[in-house]
Protein backbone atom coordinates (compact mmCIF):
# COMPACT_ATOMS: atom_id res chain seq x y z
CA UNK A 1 -21.88 1.25 2.40
CA UNK A 2 -20.08 -1.10 4.65
CA UNK A 3 -23.74 -1.83 7.16
CA UNK A 4 -25.45 -2.78 3.56
CA UNK A 5 -22.52 -5.04 2.49
CA UNK A 6 -22.10 -7.03 5.90
CA UNK A 7 -25.97 -7.07 6.14
CA UNK A 8 -25.92 -9.54 3.06
CA UNK A 9 -23.18 -11.57 3.54
CA UNK A 10 -24.35 -12.71 6.68
CA UNK A 11 -27.88 -13.42 5.31
CA UNK A 12 -26.54 -15.33 2.09
CA UNK A 13 -24.72 -17.21 5.20
CA UNK A 14 -27.90 -17.81 6.22
CA UNK A 15 -28.42 -16.06 9.19
CA UNK A 16 -31.29 -14.24 9.97
CA UNK A 17 -30.62 -10.50 9.46
CA UNK A 18 -32.62 -7.23 10.90
CA UNK A 19 -30.66 -4.41 9.59
CA UNK A 20 -31.87 -0.74 10.86
CA UNK A 21 -33.26 2.14 9.06
CA UNK A 22 -33.30 6.22 9.06
CA UNK A 23 -36.82 5.89 7.54
CA UNK A 24 -39.73 4.36 6.49
CA UNK A 25 -39.29 4.65 2.75
CA UNK A 26 -35.89 3.48 3.91
CA UNK A 27 -37.85 0.40 4.78
CA UNK A 28 -39.33 0.00 1.85
CA UNK A 29 -36.71 0.18 -0.63
CA UNK A 30 -34.10 -2.05 1.86
CA UNK A 31 -37.43 -4.54 1.02
CA UNK A 32 -37.43 -4.13 -2.43
CA UNK A 33 -34.31 -4.85 -3.52
CA UNK A 34 -33.10 -7.06 -0.55
CA UNK A 35 -36.48 -9.53 0.59
CA UNK A 36 -33.80 -11.37 2.79
CA UNK A 37 -33.09 -8.75 4.34
CA UNK A 38 -35.85 -7.58 7.98
CA UNK A 39 -35.89 -3.92 7.92
CA UNK A 40 -36.50 -1.62 11.43
CA UNK A 41 -36.47 2.30 11.49
CA UNK A 42 -33.98 3.08 14.14
CA UNK A 43 -32.70 6.33 13.72
CA UNK A 44 -30.10 5.99 16.64
CA UNK A 45 -29.88 9.91 17.41
CA UNK A 46 -33.43 9.90 17.74
CA UNK A 47 -34.30 8.27 21.68
CA UNK A 48 -37.80 7.82 20.55
CA UNK A 49 -37.53 5.66 18.11
CA UNK A 50 -35.48 3.02 19.90
CA UNK A 51 -38.95 1.48 22.29
CA UNK A 52 -40.38 0.55 18.53
CA UNK A 53 -36.82 -0.51 17.40
CA UNK A 54 -36.58 -3.04 20.35
CA UNK A 55 -40.24 -3.50 20.51
CA UNK A 56 -40.17 -5.20 16.50
CA UNK A 57 -36.75 -6.94 17.07
CA UNK A 58 -38.42 -8.91 20.53
CA UNK A 59 -41.63 -9.37 18.01
CA UNK A 60 -40.05 -11.19 15.33
CA UNK A 61 -37.62 -13.03 17.51
CA UNK A 62 -40.43 -14.58 19.30
CA UNK A 63 -42.40 -14.82 16.21
CA UNK A 64 -38.93 -17.54 15.02
CA UNK A 65 -38.45 -19.25 18.01
CA UNK A 66 -34.65 -16.94 17.71
CA UNK A 67 -32.00 -15.19 19.93
CA UNK A 68 -30.36 -12.62 19.82
CA UNK A 69 -26.68 -13.19 18.90
CA UNK A 70 -25.13 -10.66 17.75
CA UNK A 71 -25.65 -6.90 17.47
CA UNK A 72 -23.45 -4.70 14.59
CA UNK A 73 -23.19 -0.84 15.81
CA UNK A 74 -22.25 0.73 12.47
CA UNK A 75 -23.69 3.21 11.68
CA UNK A 76 -21.53 6.54 10.78
CA UNK A 77 -20.98 9.50 8.82
CA UNK A 78 -17.89 11.70 8.10
CA UNK A 79 -19.48 15.00 7.29
CA UNK A 80 -15.82 16.64 6.89
CA UNK A 81 -14.54 14.04 5.10
CA UNK A 82 -17.46 15.39 2.62
CA UNK A 83 -16.30 19.31 2.32
CA UNK A 84 -13.21 18.24 2.92
CA UNK A 85 -13.40 16.21 -0.14
CA UNK A 86 -15.60 19.43 -2.73
CA UNK A 87 -12.59 21.31 -1.64
CA UNK A 88 -10.45 19.40 -3.51
CA UNK A 89 -12.30 18.67 -6.05
CA UNK A 90 -12.54 22.79 -6.77
CA UNK A 91 -8.85 23.31 -6.53
CA UNK A 92 -8.85 25.37 -2.79
CA UNK A 93 -6.22 24.69 -0.19
CA UNK A 94 -7.23 22.87 2.93
CA UNK A 95 -7.40 25.15 6.13
CA UNK A 96 -6.50 24.10 9.05
CA UNK A 97 -9.14 25.43 11.49
CA UNK A 98 -12.02 23.50 12.92
CA UNK A 99 -15.12 23.01 11.00
CA UNK A 100 -17.82 24.79 13.09
CA UNK A 101 -19.00 22.97 16.13
CA UNK A 102 -22.69 21.85 14.23
CA UNK A 103 -20.25 19.43 12.45
CA UNK A 104 -18.93 18.45 15.64
CA UNK A 105 -22.84 17.77 17.34
CA UNK A 106 -23.06 16.00 14.10
CA UNK A 107 -21.03 13.50 13.91
CA UNK A 108 -20.97 12.89 18.03
CA UNK A 109 -24.56 12.34 17.43
CA UNK A 110 -24.12 9.19 15.27
CA UNK A 111 -20.67 7.89 15.89
CA UNK A 112 -20.77 7.64 19.79
CA UNK A 113 -23.97 8.49 21.51
CA UNK A 114 -25.89 6.03 18.48
CA UNK A 115 -23.37 3.81 19.30
CA UNK A 116 -24.58 4.00 23.27
CA UNK A 117 -28.19 4.64 22.14
CA UNK A 118 -27.55 0.74 20.31
CA UNK A 119 -25.75 -0.78 23.08
CA UNK A 120 -28.13 0.32 25.67
CA UNK A 121 -31.69 -0.47 23.86
CA UNK A 122 -30.05 -4.15 22.91
CA UNK A 123 -27.48 -4.89 25.86
CA UNK A 124 -30.75 -7.05 27.44
CA UNK A 125 -31.37 -9.12 24.30
CA UNK A 126 -27.58 -10.64 24.02
CA UNK A 127 -27.35 -11.03 28.44
CA UNK A 128 -30.41 -12.90 28.10
CA UNK A 129 -28.60 -14.91 24.79
CA UNK A 130 -25.07 -14.26 25.40
CA UNK A 131 -24.54 -13.23 22.18
CA UNK A 132 -22.32 -10.50 20.69
CA UNK A 133 -21.69 -6.58 20.07
CA UNK A 134 -19.86 -5.80 17.38
CA UNK A 135 -18.62 -1.78 17.11
CA UNK A 136 -17.52 -0.78 13.59
CA UNK A 137 -14.80 1.97 14.48
CA UNK A 138 -11.61 2.92 11.81
CA UNK A 139 -8.07 3.52 11.98
CA UNK A 140 -8.25 7.37 12.73
CA UNK A 141 -9.65 5.57 16.28
CA UNK A 142 -5.65 4.21 16.60
CA UNK A 143 -4.32 8.32 14.83
CA UNK A 144 -5.46 11.48 15.31
CA UNK A 145 -4.30 14.74 13.64
CA UNK A 146 -3.10 13.21 9.25
CA UNK A 147 -5.91 15.28 8.49
CA UNK A 148 -5.38 18.56 10.01
CA UNK A 149 -8.32 20.93 11.87
CA UNK A 150 -10.86 20.38 9.23
CA UNK A 151 -11.17 16.31 9.94
CA UNK A 152 -10.09 16.20 13.57
CA UNK A 153 -14.03 15.48 15.39
CA UNK A 154 -14.15 12.00 12.72
CA UNK A 155 -10.63 11.03 14.48
CA UNK A 156 -11.76 12.05 17.94
CA UNK A 157 -15.44 9.46 17.59
CA UNK A 158 -12.89 6.47 16.72
CA UNK A 159 -10.92 7.16 19.56
CA UNK A 160 -13.85 7.56 21.84
CA UNK A 161 -15.14 4.27 20.46
CA UNK A 162 -11.91 2.50 21.27
CA UNK A 163 -13.27 3.27 24.71
CA UNK A 164 -16.21 2.69 24.42
CA UNK A 165 -15.17 -1.11 23.57
CA UNK A 166 -12.34 -0.92 26.34
CA UNK A 167 -14.90 -0.38 28.56
CA UNK A 168 -17.84 -2.06 27.45
CA UNK A 169 -16.16 -5.14 27.34
CA UNK A 170 -14.26 -5.30 30.38
CA UNK A 171 -17.66 -4.92 31.67
CA UNK A 172 -19.60 -7.34 29.92
CA UNK A 173 -17.07 -10.45 29.67
CA UNK A 174 -18.46 -12.15 33.13
CA UNK A 175 -22.43 -11.91 32.31
CA UNK A 176 -21.07 -13.81 28.53
CA UNK A 177 -21.45 -11.40 25.71
CA UNK A 178 -18.19 -10.33 23.74
CA UNK A 179 -17.62 -7.20 22.61
CA UNK A 180 -14.86 -6.54 19.56
CA UNK A 181 -14.26 -3.79 17.31
CA UNK A 182 -13.38 -4.00 14.14
CA UNK A 183 -11.14 -1.46 12.90
CA UNK A 184 -11.20 -0.82 9.10
CA UNK A 185 -9.06 0.93 6.70
CA UNK A 186 -9.60 2.72 3.72
CA UNK A 187 -12.62 0.63 2.60
CA UNK A 188 -14.77 1.19 -1.11
CA UNK A 189 -17.99 3.16 0.41
CA UNK A 190 -19.93 5.70 -0.80
CA UNK A 191 -18.60 7.77 2.33
CA UNK A 192 -14.90 7.03 0.79
CA UNK A 193 -14.58 7.36 -2.51
CA UNK A 194 -11.37 8.88 -3.76
CA UNK A 195 -9.13 7.05 -0.99
CA UNK A 196 -10.60 3.61 -0.88
CA UNK A 197 -8.66 0.14 -1.49
CA UNK A 198 -10.02 -2.43 -0.24
CA UNK A 199 -13.69 -3.35 -0.48
CA UNK A 200 -15.94 -3.85 1.87
CA UNK A 201 -15.68 -7.62 1.78
CA UNK A 202 -12.84 -7.62 4.37
CA UNK A 203 -14.61 -5.84 7.06
CA UNK A 204 -17.74 -8.00 6.68
CA UNK A 205 -15.32 -11.66 7.00
CA UNK A 206 -14.17 -9.43 10.09
CA UNK A 207 -18.05 -8.62 11.73
CA UNK A 208 -18.73 -12.48 10.97
CA UNK A 209 -14.83 -13.80 12.57
CA UNK A 210 -16.29 -11.67 15.41
CA UNK A 211 -19.94 -13.15 15.90
CA UNK A 212 -19.14 -16.52 15.23
CA UNK A 213 -15.04 -17.80 16.58
CA UNK A 214 -15.00 -19.34 20.07
CA UNK A 215 -12.89 -16.59 20.84
CA UNK A 216 -13.30 -13.36 18.57
CA UNK A 217 -10.29 -10.67 19.35
CA UNK A 218 -11.43 -7.30 21.30
CA UNK A 219 -9.93 -5.47 17.55
CA UNK A 220 -10.40 -6.97 13.92
CA UNK A 221 -7.95 -4.06 12.09
CA UNK A 222 -8.75 -5.08 8.64
CA UNK A 223 -7.81 -3.59 5.26
CA UNK A 224 -4.77 -0.57 4.22
CA UNK A 225 -3.89 2.74 4.68
CA UNK A 226 -2.00 3.93 1.40
CA UNK A 227 -1.06 0.16 1.22
CA UNK A 228 0.38 0.01 4.72
CA UNK A 229 -1.54 -2.97 6.53
CA UNK A 230 -4.51 -1.69 9.07
CA UNK A 231 -2.65 -4.18 11.57
CA UNK A 232 0.88 -2.65 11.39
CA UNK A 233 -0.36 1.40 11.51
CA UNK A 234 -2.50 1.06 14.56
CA UNK A 235 0.29 -0.52 16.24
CA UNK A 236 2.85 1.66 15.43
CA UNK A 237 0.51 4.57 16.75
CA UNK A 238 -0.71 2.82 20.06
CA UNK A 239 2.96 1.00 20.76
CA UNK A 240 5.31 4.39 19.42
CA UNK A 241 5.95 6.70 22.34
CA UNK A 242 4.20 9.88 20.87
CA UNK A 243 7.08 12.70 20.58
CA UNK A 244 7.40 9.55 17.47
CA UNK A 245 4.58 9.20 15.85
CA UNK A 246 4.28 13.12 16.47
CA UNK A 247 6.83 13.43 13.52
CA UNK A 248 5.11 10.26 11.26
CA UNK A 249 2.55 12.51 10.18
């Protein structure tokens, strides 16, 4: 996915990259497949794993005399899209109904609270180093409703990421911590197997720019959505009045 691609791209550029994984088995697999990456077991939905994850990161930084240059909050799931694709594969119509509440709780736990939990854990290190926080959002953070009620939870989590990114950026700017939001279009990943239009490389470039730029952008809109540049689509839905954008969907 996007996270793995960004981690490997940054590692090839000489960065020391620590990658969070959900289970110890995932850590062992990562060490075998990509030995240059350092796995850290941290499921962002589990508060009890946070302290140990932070201690592992801090220990490695001390051991290698490094500072925490950046944290990329990338964890994200989209179970609604999976259900959408399964119905489409069976030739079933897409119901304009809200999915079960359990799906909303699962999606918000990873996509929103996971970002909050990650920021809370690593803000002390970013403050000390004058580092960067990069949040991976989506073009769905600028537009909602295109896929009906059955996709509204995921879209709402990405709107939440917009608010988190703005609030964190404005609140931390005087403390030397920059915050950027990367908003990909339809990227070809395991989570988006049919609608992908660009590879993860476009996201990797934006993440690196957010980390190394002297003046990082507040938002990086990358890739395309049905052939339209993501930056243009987001601009349209952010700047035009709601009564007009309602008619575009």
